[in-house]
């Protein structure tokens, strides 16, 4: 164990952008090539046994949520209980759940302190991506009731690009018609809508070749998809919630390309 800890300290020193004394708490990570270093870091074991580790600056917060407090490797993404949430100085919220990915490795939990490493890709609905690399948390102390609540993330969200122009719906609806889910998102004079069987499970599904349809309406002119893909990331039939990704194209002469689509809705 002594040898393992010495190796961890050495690795921590090598990737750190600043010298950190080994008896001081720390949480730091490179975010889209910008260095983030918390001025305060804390950990909390929640009533359900999950672990939260949080690093704060004056204007930003990074929180790691893990499904328990044991040593080990935790995978992020795909609606896992393991997730990272980052709120920047503008109040924009990035999360690894459900579309992100990454990994947290808890390497030491001795003496009421938590140490480990992490990396992640998180998303803000509206197409922004946040990459977290070379993350470290070191001797973060356990303190009951000290973690700030997660920022609110909208429940119903739909975004995409339309001919390479960003689209982020201001109004999103999701309705179960009995056999199909009908989902639509509107921004200004533009609406993206699609439907699929209400029992569709995780996986990739072609658009416009069967029971899955999509269309886009711009200034009252409707164009149906002639090809595309709908990927269901998570469909919880008990909670009536579904998230996924989509892309499709319409026919000439308009030839509209809808890409990088994401949605997360309850119905």
C-alpha atoms as a PDB file:
ATOM      1  CA  UNK A   1       0.000   0.000   0.000  1.00  0.00           C
ATOM      2  CA  UNK A   2       2.844   2.386   0.838  1.00  0.00           C
ATOM      3  CA  UNK A   3       4.370   1.783  -2.604  1.00  0.00           C
ATOM      4  CA  UNK A   4       0.987   2.328  -4.279  1.00  0.00           C
ATOM      5  CA  UNK A   5       0.473   5.648  -2.530  1.00  0.00           C
ATOM      6  CA  UNK A   6       3.973   6.836  -3.441  1.00  0.00           C
ATOM      7  CA  UNK A   7       3.238   6.065  -7.095  1.00  0.00           C
ATOM      8  CA  UNK A   8      -0.022   8.017  -6.878  1.00  0.00           C
ATOM      9  CA  UNK A   9       1.730  11.044  -5.357  1.00  0.00           C
ATOM     10  CA  UNK A  10       4.327  10.943  -8.128  1.00  0.00           C
ATOM     11  CA  UNK A  11       1.686  10.772 -10.869  1.00  0.00           C
ATOM     12  CA  UNK A  12      -0.224  13.619  -9.251  1.00  0.00           C
ATOM     13  CA  UNK A  13       2.855  15.823  -9.210  1.00  0.00           C
ATOM     14  CA  UNK A  14       3.666  15.104 -12.852  1.00  0.00           C
ATOM     15  CA  UNK A  15       0.293  16.177 -14.262  1.00  0.00           C
ATOM     16  CA  UNK A  16      -0.319  19.083 -11.916  1.00  0.00           C
ATOM     17  CA  UNK A  17      -0.003  22.547 -13.375  1.00  0.00           C
ATOM     18  CA  UNK A  18       1.059  23.915 -10.006  1.00  0.00           C
ATOM     19  CA  UNK A  19       3.002  22.517  -7.073  1.00  0.00           C
ATOM     20  CA  UNK A  20       0.638  21.154  -4.425  1.00  0.00           C
ATOM     21  CA  UNK A  21       1.749  20.104  -0.982  1.00  0.00           C
ATOM     22  CA  UNK A  22       0.781  16.506  -0.349  1.00  0.00           C
ATOM     23  CA  UNK A  23      -1.011  17.385   2.906  1.00  0.00           C
ATOM     24  CA  UNK A  24      -3.433  19.841   1.252  1.00  0.00           C
ATOM     25  CA  UNK A  25      -6.761  18.999  -0.324  1.00  0.00           C
ATOM     26  CA  UNK A  26      -7.103  19.593  -4.063  1.00  0.00           C
ATOM     27  CA  UNK A  27      -9.449  19.123  -7.001  1.00  0.00           C
ATOM     28  CA  UNK A  28      -8.282  20.168 -10.442  1.00  0.00           C
ATOM     29  CA  UNK A  29      -8.840  19.321 -14.098  1.00  0.00           C
ATOM     30  CA  UNK A  30      -8.198  20.678 -17.578  1.00  0.00           C
ATOM     31  CA  UNK A  31     -11.512  21.820 -19.103  1.00  0.00           C
ATOM     32  CA  UNK A  32     -11.364  22.370 -22.875  1.00  0.00           C
ATOM     33  CA  UNK A  33      -7.643  23.149 -22.492  1.00  0.00           C
ATOM     34  CA  UNK A  34      -8.310  25.645 -19.658  1.00  0.00           C
ATOM     35  CA  UNK A  35      -7.008  24.844 -16.173  1.00  0.00           C
ATOM     36  CA  UNK A  36      -9.646  24.561 -13.426  1.00  0.00           C
ATOM     37  CA  UNK A  37      -8.468  24.420  -9.814  1.00  0.00           C
ATOM     38  CA  UNK A  38     -10.948  24.433  -6.949  1.00  0.00           C
ATOM     39  CA  UNK A  39     -10.317  26.798  -4.053  1.00  0.00           C
ATOM     40  CA  UNK A  40     -12.377  24.465  -1.856  1.00  0.00           C
ATOM     41  CA  UNK A  41     -13.081  20.741  -2.143  1.00  0.00           C
ATOM     42  CA  UNK A  42     -15.303  18.522  -0.045  1.00  0.00           C
ATOM     43  CA  UNK A  43     -16.892  15.055  -0.014  1.00  0.00           C
ATOM     44  CA  UNK A  44     -20.154  13.712   1.329  1.00  0.00           C
ATOM     45  CA  UNK A  45     -21.664  10.244   1.738  1.00  0.00           C
ATOM     46  CA  UNK A  46     -25.364  10.674   1.067  1.00  0.00           C
ATOM     47  CA  UNK A  47     -28.195   8.891   2.946  1.00  0.00           C
ATOM     48  CA  UNK A  48     -28.566   6.362   0.100  1.00  0.00           C
ATOM     49  CA  UNK A  49     -24.862   5.423   0.310  1.00  0.00           C
ATOM     50  CA  UNK A  50     -23.779   7.320  -2.801  1.00  0.00           C
ATOM     51  CA  UNK A  51     -20.703   9.558  -2.758  1.00  0.00           C
ATOM     52  CA  UNK A  52     -20.503  13.186  -3.877  1.00  0.00           C
ATOM     53  CA  UNK A  53     -17.204  15.037  -4.331  1.00  0.00           C
ATOM     54  CA  UNK A  54     -17.355  18.748  -5.085  1.00  0.00           C
ATOM     55  CA  UNK A  55     -14.818  21.388  -6.059  1.00  0.00           C
ATOM     56  CA  UNK A  56     -15.687  25.079  -6.037  1.00  0.00           C
ATOM     57  CA  UNK A  57     -14.244  28.384  -7.168  1.00  0.00           C
ATOM     58  CA  UNK A  58     -15.887  31.769  -6.617  1.00  0.00           C
ATOM     59  CA  UNK A  59     -18.067  31.312  -9.719  1.00  0.00           C
ATOM     60  CA  UNK A  60     -17.866  27.662 -10.846  1.00  0.00           C
ATOM     61  CA  UNK A  61     -18.734  24.261  -9.392  1.00  0.00           C
ATOM     62  CA  UNK A  62     -17.702  20.743 -10.404  1.00  0.00           C
ATOM     63  CA  UNK A  63     -19.460  17.819  -8.740  1.00  0.00           C
ATOM     64  CA  UNK A  64     -18.695  14.112  -9.038  1.00  0.00           C
ATOM     65  CA  UNK A  65     -21.488  11.694  -8.094  1.00  0.00           C
ATOM     66  CA  UNK A  66     -20.655   7.990  -7.614  1.00  0.00           C
ATOM     67  CA  UNK A  67     -22.982   5.129  -6.711  1.00  0.00           C
ATOM     68  CA  UNK A  68     -20.895   4.187  -3.667  1.00  0.00           C
ATOM     69  CA  UNK A  69     -17.817   5.279  -1.736  1.00  0.00           C
ATOM     70  CA  UNK A  70     -15.588   2.243  -2.319  1.00  0.00           C
ATOM     71  CA  UNK A  71     -12.252   1.993  -4.086  1.00  0.00           C
ATOM     72  CA  UNK A  72     -12.609   1.237  -7.767  1.00  0.00           C
ATOM     73  CA  UNK A  73     -13.311   2.442 -11.281  1.00  0.00           C
ATOM     74  CA  UNK A  74     -16.645   4.088 -12.085  1.00  0.00           C
ATOM     75  CA  UNK A  75     -17.924   4.500 -15.647  1.00  0.00           C
ATOM     76  CA  UNK A  76     -19.845   7.657 -16.585  1.00  0.00           C
ATOM     77  CA  UNK A  77     -22.628   8.185 -19.118  1.00  0.00           C
ATOM     78  CA  UNK A  78     -25.747   6.498 -20.516  1.00  0.00           C
ATOM     79  CA  UNK A  79     -27.976   7.500 -17.595  1.00  0.00           C
ATOM     80  CA  UNK A  80     -25.638   5.911 -15.061  1.00  0.00           C
ATOM     81  CA  UNK A  81     -25.905   7.014 -11.440  1.00  0.00           C
ATOM     82  CA  UNK A  82     -22.215   7.851 -11.808  1.00  0.00           C
ATOM     83  CA  UNK A  83     -21.994  11.320 -13.323  1.00  0.00           C
ATOM     84  CA  UNK A  84     -20.124  14.617 -13.356  1.00  0.00           C
ATOM     85  CA  UNK A  85     -21.898  17.978 -13.431  1.00  0.00           C
ATOM     86  CA  UNK A  86     -20.132  21.286 -14.098  1.00  0.00           C
ATOM     87  CA  UNK A  87     -21.686  24.735 -13.787  1.00  0.00           C
ATOM     88  CA  UNK A  88     -19.655  27.572 -15.302  1.00  0.00           C
ATOM     89  CA  UNK A  89     -19.538  31.261 -14.378  1.00  0.00           C
ATOM     90  CA  UNK A  90     -22.420  32.034 -16.760  1.00  0.00           C
ATOM     91  CA  UNK A  91     -24.690  29.444 -15.160  1.00  0.00           C
ATOM     92  CA  UNK A  92     -24.401  27.011 -18.079  1.00  0.00           C
ATOM     93  CA  UNK A  93     -24.685  23.399 -16.902  1.00  0.00           C
ATOM     94  CA  UNK A  94     -22.770  20.507 -18.459  1.00  0.00           C
ATOM     95  CA  UNK A  95     -23.474  16.894 -17.510  1.00  0.00           C
ATOM     96  CA  UNK A  96     -22.248  13.441 -18.490  1.00  0.00           C
ATOM     97  CA  UNK A  97     -25.766  12.087 -18.104  1.00  0.00           C
ATOM     98  CA  UNK A  98     -27.123  10.818 -20.465  1.00  0.00           C
ATOM     99  CA  UNK A  99     -24.945  11.572 -23.510  1.00  0.00           C
ATOM    100  CA  UNK A 100     -21.480  11.965 -22.010  1.00  0.00           C
ATOM    101  CA  UNK A 101     -18.836   9.479 -21.023  1.00  0.00           C
ATOM    102  CA  UNK A 102     -15.734   9.155 -18.929  1.00  0.00           C
ATOM    103  CA  UNK A 103     -14.268   7.472 -15.906  1.00  0.00           C
ATOM    104  CA  UNK A 104     -13.593   8.140 -12.237  1.00  0.00           C
ATOM    105  CA  UNK A 105     -11.003   6.083 -10.367  1.00  0.00           C
ATOM    106  CA  UNK A 106     -11.145   6.213  -6.564  1.00  0.00           C
ATOM    107  CA  UNK A 107      -7.657   5.219  -5.420  1.00  0.00           C
ATOM    108  CA  UNK A 108      -7.631   5.959  -1.688  1.00  0.00           C
ATOM    109  CA  UNK A 109     -10.368   6.344   0.941  1.00  0.00           C
ATOM    110  CA  UNK A 110      -8.332   6.227   4.135  1.00  0.00           C
ATOM    111  CA  UNK A 111      -8.690   8.484   7.165  1.00  0.00           C
ATOM    112  CA  UNK A 112     -11.867  10.182   5.990  1.00  0.00           C
ATOM    113  CA  UNK A 113     -10.194  11.522   2.833  1.00  0.00           C
ATOM    114  CA  UNK A 114     -10.783  10.653  -0.836  1.00  0.00           C
ATOM    115  CA  UNK A 115      -8.141  10.650  -3.582  1.00  0.00           C
ATOM    116  CA  UNK A 116      -8.321   9.618  -7.220  1.00  0.00           C
ATOM    117  CA  UNK A 117      -8.401  10.635 -10.867  1.00  0.00           C
ATOM    118  CA  UNK A 118     -11.087  11.417 -13.432  1.00  0.00           C
ATOM    119  CA  UNK A 119     -11.763  12.317 -17.060  1.00  0.00           C
ATOM    120  CA  UNK A 120     -14.996  13.015 -18.892  1.00  0.00           C
ATOM    121  CA  UNK A 121     -16.930  14.434 -21.815  1.00  0.00           C
ATOM    122  CA  UNK A 122     -20.025  16.361 -20.746  1.00  0.00           C
ATOM    123  CA  UNK A 123     -22.700  18.118 -22.761  1.00  0.00           C
ATOM    124  CA  UNK A 124     -24.852  21.195 -22.438  1.00  0.00           C
ATOM    125  CA  UNK A 125     -28.029  20.860 -24.433  1.00  0.00           C
ATOM    126  CA  UNK A 126     -27.595  23.336 -27.218  1.00  0.00           C
ATOM    127  CA  UNK A 127     -24.623  21.450 -28.675  1.00  0.00           C
ATOM    128  CA  UNK A 128     -21.789  22.635 -26.405  1.00  0.00           C
ATOM    129  CA  UNK A 129     -19.280  19.993 -25.328  1.00  0.00           C
ATOM    130  CA  UNK A 130     -16.972  20.096 -22.319  1.00  0.00           C
ATOM    131  CA  UNK A 131     -13.907  17.867 -22.202  1.00  0.00           C
ATOM    132  CA  UNK A 132     -12.336  17.212 -18.818  1.00  0.00           C
ATOM    133  CA  UNK A 133      -8.817  15.759 -18.908  1.00  0.00           C
ATOM    134  CA  UNK A 134      -6.138  14.896 -16.340  1.00  0.00           C
ATOM    135  CA  UNK A 135      -8.527  15.345 -13.437  1.00  0.00           C
ATOM    136  CA  UNK A 136      -7.292  14.854  -9.888  1.00  0.00           C
ATOM    137  CA  UNK A 137      -8.962  14.936  -6.486  1.00  0.00           C
ATOM    138  CA  UNK A 138      -6.546  14.565  -3.581  1.00  0.00           C
ATOM    139  CA  UNK A 139      -7.248  14.204   0.147  1.00  0.00           C
ATOM    140  CA  UNK A 140     -10.722  15.663  -0.227  1.00  0.00           C
ATOM    141  CA  UNK A 141     -12.206  15.520   3.296  1.00  0.00           C
ATOM    142  CA  UNK A 142     -15.487  13.915   4.241  1.00  0.00           C
ATOM    143  CA  UNK A 143     -17.916  16.421   5.747  1.00  0.00           C
ATOM    144  CA  UNK A 144     -21.626  15.775   6.317  1.00  0.00           C
ATOM    145  CA  UNK A 145     -24.124  18.093   4.656  1.00  0.00           C
ATOM    146  CA  UNK A 146     -21.541  20.249   2.904  1.00  0.00           C
ATOM    147  CA  UNK A 147     -22.311  19.582  -0.767  1.00  0.00           C
ATOM    148  CA  UNK A 148     -24.272  22.223  -2.671  1.00  0.00           C
ATOM    149  CA  UNK A 149     -27.343  21.047  -4.580  1.00  0.00           C
ATOM    150  CA  UNK A 150     -26.953  20.278  -8.277  1.00  0.00           C
ATOM    151  CA  UNK A 151     -28.095  23.051 -10.626  1.00  0.00           C
ATOM    152  CA  UNK A 152     -31.394  22.431 -12.337  1.00  0.00           C
ATOM    153  CA  UNK A 153     -31.188  20.765 -15.735  1.00  0.00           C
ATOM    154  CA  UNK A 154     -34.316  21.145 -17.926  1.00  0.00           C
ATOM    155  CA  UNK A 155     -36.304  17.917 -18.255  1.00  0.00           C
ATOM    156  CA  UNK A 156     -37.564  18.341 -21.830  1.00  0.00           C
ATOM    157  CA  UNK A 157     -34.764  19.301 -24.199  1.00  0.00           C
ATOM    158  CA  UNK A 158     -34.238  19.014 -27.965  1.00  0.00           C
ATOM    159  CA  UNK A 159     -31.334  20.403 -29.978  1.00  0.00           C
ATOM    160  CA  UNK A 160     -29.665  19.837 -33.355  1.00  0.00           C
ATOM    161  CA  UNK A 161     -27.975  21.587 -36.241  1.00  0.00           C
ATOM    162  CA  UNK A 162     -29.969  22.507 -39.344  1.00  0.00           C
ATOM    163  CA  UNK A 163     -27.699  22.906 -42.363  1.00  0.00           C
ATOM    164  CA  UNK A 164     -24.849  23.519 -39.875  1.00  0.00           C
ATOM    165  CA  UNK A 165     -26.792  26.204 -37.960  1.00  0.00           C
ATOM    166  CA  UNK A 166     -27.440  25.540 -34.259  1.00  0.00           C
ATOM    167  CA  UNK A 167     -31.037  24.823 -33.239  1.00  0.00           C
ATOM    168  CA  UNK A 168     -32.102  24.658 -29.568  1.00  0.00           C
ATOM    169  CA  UNK A 169     -35.830  24.287 -29.001  1.00  0.00           C
ATOM    170  CA  UNK A 170     -37.472  26.735 -26.614  1.00  0.00           C
ATOM    171  CA  UNK A 171     -40.651  24.649 -26.526  1.00  0.00           C
ATOM    172  CA  UNK A 172     -40.553  20.845 -26.391  1.00  0.00           C
ATOM    173  CA  UNK A 173     -43.530  18.489 -26.252  1.00  0.00           C
ATOM    174  CA  UNK A 174     -43.687  14.715 -25.917  1.00  0.00           C
ATOM    175  CA  UNK A 175     -46.973  12.811 -26.165  1.00  0.00           C
ATOM    176  CA  UNK A 176     -47.809   9.108 -25.991  1.00  0.00           C
ATOM    177  CA  UNK A 177     -50.593   8.584 -28.551  1.00  0.00           C
ATOM    178  CA  UNK A 178     -51.173   4.996 -27.472  1.00  0.00           C
ATOM    179  CA  UNK A 179     -48.862   3.249 -29.927  1.00  0.00           C
ATOM    180  CA  UNK A 180     -46.370   5.968 -30.803  1.00  0.00           C
ATOM    181  CA  UNK A 181     -44.393   8.671 -29.053  1.00  0.00           C
ATOM    182  CA  UNK A 182     -44.697  12.039 -30.785  1.00  0.00           C
ATOM    183  CA  UNK A 183     -41.844  14.443 -29.956  1.00  0.00           C
ATOM    184  CA  UNK A 184     -41.441  17.974 -31.286  1.00  0.00           C
ATOM    185  CA  UNK A 185     -39.261  20.975 -30.554  1.00  0.00           C
ATOM    186  CA  UNK A 186     -39.817  24.549 -31.739  1.00  0.00           C
ATOM    187  CA  UNK A 187     -37.524  27.551 -31.934  1.00  0.00           C
ATOM    188  CA  UNK A 188     -38.951  30.624 -33.631  1.00  0.00           C
ATOM    189  CA  UNK A 189     -40.392  29.660 -37.020  1.00  0.00           C
ATOM    190  CA  UNK A 190     -38.780  26.209 -37.070  1.00  0.00           C
ATOM    191  CA  UNK A 191     -40.070  22.901 -35.690  1.00  0.00           C
ATOM    192  CA  UNK A 192     -38.392  19.491 -35.684  1.00  0.00           C
ATOM    193  CA  UNK A 193     -40.721  16.556 -35.036  1.00  0.00           C
ATOM    194  CA  UNK A 194     -40.451  12.793 -35.100  1.00  0.00           C
ATOM    195  CA  UNK A 195     -42.405   9.752 -33.985  1.00  0.00           C
ATOM    196  CA  UNK A 196     -41.540   6.174 -33.105  1.00  0.00           C
ATOM    197  CA  UNK A 197     -43.180   3.169 -31.397  1.00  0.00           C
ATOM    198  CA  UNK A 198     -43.694   3.785 -27.687  1.00  0.00           C
ATOM    199  CA  UNK A 199     -41.995   0.500 -26.782  1.00  0.00           C
ATOM    200  CA  UNK A 200     -38.809   1.181 -28.772  1.00  0.00           C
ATOM    201  CA  UNK A 201     -35.742   0.126 -26.786  1.00  0.00           C
ATOM    202  CA  UNK A 202     -32.094   1.159 -26.795  1.00  0.00           C
ATOM    203  CA  UNK A 203     -30.238   1.009 -30.094  1.00  0.00           C
ATOM    204  CA  UNK A 204     -29.977   2.487 -33.591  1.00  0.00           C
ATOM    205  CA  UNK A 205     -33.026   2.640 -35.834  1.00  0.00           C
ATOM    206  CA  UNK A 206     -33.376   3.895 -39.430  1.00  0.00           C
ATOM    207  CA  UNK A 207     -35.709   6.828 -40.060  1.00  0.00           C
ATOM    208  CA  UNK A 208     -38.245   6.801 -42.938  1.00  0.00           C
ATOM    209  CA  UNK A 209     -37.972   3.080 -43.637  1.00  0.00           C
ATOM    210  CA  UNK A 210     -40.762   1.798 -41.373  1.00  0.00           C
ATOM    211  CA  UNK A 211     -42.591   3.017 -38.304  1.00  0.00           C
ATOM    212  CA  UNK A 212     -40.104   5.801 -37.478  1.00  0.00           C
ATOM    213  CA  UNK A 213     -40.715   9.153 -39.163  1.00  0.00           C
ATOM    214  CA  UNK A 214     -39.260  12.655 -38.900  1.00  0.00           C
ATOM    215  CA  UNK A 215     -39.940  16.043 -40.433  1.00  0.00           C
ATOM    216  CA  UNK A 216     -38.924  19.672 -40.214  1.00  0.00           C
ATOM    217  CA  UNK A 217     -41.183  22.697 -40.679  1.00  0.00           C
ATOM    218  CA  UNK A 218     -39.696  26.103 -41.555  1.00  0.00           C
ATOM    219  CA  UNK A 219     -41.973  29.119 -42.099  1.00  0.00           C
ATOM    220  CA  UNK A 220     -44.941  26.770 -42.449  1.00  0.00           C
ATOM    221  CA  UNK A 221     -43.282  24.639 -45.140  1.00  0.00           C
ATOM    222  CA  UNK A 222     -43.081  20.995 -44.084  1.00  0.00           C
ATOM    223  CA  UNK A 223     -40.316  18.676 -45.326  1.00  0.00           C
ATOM    224  CA  UNK A 224     -40.312  14.968 -44.475  1.00  0.00           C
ATOM    225  CA  UNK A 225     -37.179  12.914 -43.852  1.00  0.00           C
ATOM    226  CA  UNK A 226     -36.174  10.503 -46.599  1.00  0.00           C
ATOM    227  CA  UNK A 227     -33.320   8.947 -44.604  1.00  0.00           C
ATOM    228  CA  UNK A 228     -31.717   9.197 -41.208  1.00  0.00           C
ATOM    229  CA  UNK A 229     -31.073   7.499 -37.892  1.00  0.00           C
ATOM    230  CA  UNK A 230     -32.699   7.540 -34.471  1.00  0.00           C
ATOM    231  CA  UNK A 231     -30.588   6.240 -31.594  1.00  0.00           C
ATOM    232  CA  UNK A 232     -32.361   5.518 -28.316  1.00  0.00           C
ATOM    233  CA  UNK A 233     -29.891   5.966 -25.462  1.00  0.00           C
ATOM    234  CA  UNK A 234     -32.289   5.239 -22.633  1.00  0.00           C
ATOM    235  CA  UNK A 235     -36.015   4.527 -22.531  1.00  0.00           C
ATOM    236  CA  UNK A 236     -37.517   4.103 -19.079  1.00  0.00           C
ATOM    237  CA  UNK A 237     -41.007   2.727 -19.625  1.00  0.00           C
ATOM    238  CA  UNK A 238     -41.868   2.931 -15.922  1.00  0.00           C
ATOM    239  CA  UNK A 239     -40.905   6.592 -15.527  1.00  0.00           C
ATOM    240  CA  UNK A 240     -42.097   7.561 -19.044  1.00  0.00           C
ATOM    241  CA  UNK A 241     -38.764   9.145 -19.944  1.00  0.00           C
ATOM    242  CA  UNK A 242     -36.659   8.742 -23.069  1.00  0.00           C
ATOM    243  CA  UNK A 243     -33.398  10.202 -24.349  1.00  0.00           C
ATOM    244  CA  UNK A 244     -31.548   9.742 -27.593  1.00  0.00           C
ATOM    245  CA  UNK A 245     -29.863  11.172 -30.653  1.00  0.00           C
ATOM    246  CA  UNK A 246     -31.038  11.686 -34.229  1.00  0.00           C
ATOM    247  CA  UNK A 247     -30.099  12.883 -37.690  1.00  0.00           C
ATOM    248  CA  UNK A 248     -31.964  12.977 -40.983  1.00  0.00           C
ATOM    249  CA  UNK A 249     -32.133  14.513 -44.457  1.00  0.00           C
ATOM    250  CA  UNK A 250     -35.065  15.741 -46.523  1.00  0.00           C
ATOM    251  CA  UNK A 251     -35.563  15.447 -50.270  1.00  0.00           C
ATOM    252  CA  UNK A 252     -34.495  17.912 -52.954  1.00  0.00           C
ATOM    253  CA  UNK A 253     -34.937  20.699 -53.847  1.00  0.00           C
ATOM    254  CA  UNK A 254     -34.659  21.882 -50.244  1.00  0.00           C
ATOM    255  CA  UNK A 255     -32.328  19.088 -49.174  1.00  0.00           C
ATOM    256  CA  UNK A 256     -32.290  20.044 -45.491  1.00  0.00           C
ATOM    257  CA  UNK A 257     -29.697  18.285 -43.317  1.00  0.00           C
ATOM    258  CA  UNK A 258     -30.526  17.861 -39.632  1.00  0.00           C
ATOM    259  CA  UNK A 259     -27.523  16.594 -37.666  1.00  0.00           C
ATOM    260  CA  UNK A 260     -26.148  16.220 -34.135  1.00  0.00           C
ATOM    261  CA  UNK A 261     -29.677  15.920 -32.777  1.00  0.00           C
ATOM    262  CA  UNK A 262     -30.194  15.213 -29.086  1.00  0.00           C
ATOM    263  CA  UNK A 263     -33.336  14.925 -26.996  1.00  0.00           C
ATOM    264  CA  UNK A 264     -34.288  14.148 -23.430  1.00  0.00           C
ATOM    265  CA  UNK A 265     -38.006  14.179 -22.598  1.00  0.00           C
ATOM    266  CA  UNK A 266     -40.651  12.897 -20.238  1.00  0.00           C
ATOM    267  CA  UNK A 267     -44.133  12.094 -21.521  1.00  0.00           C
END
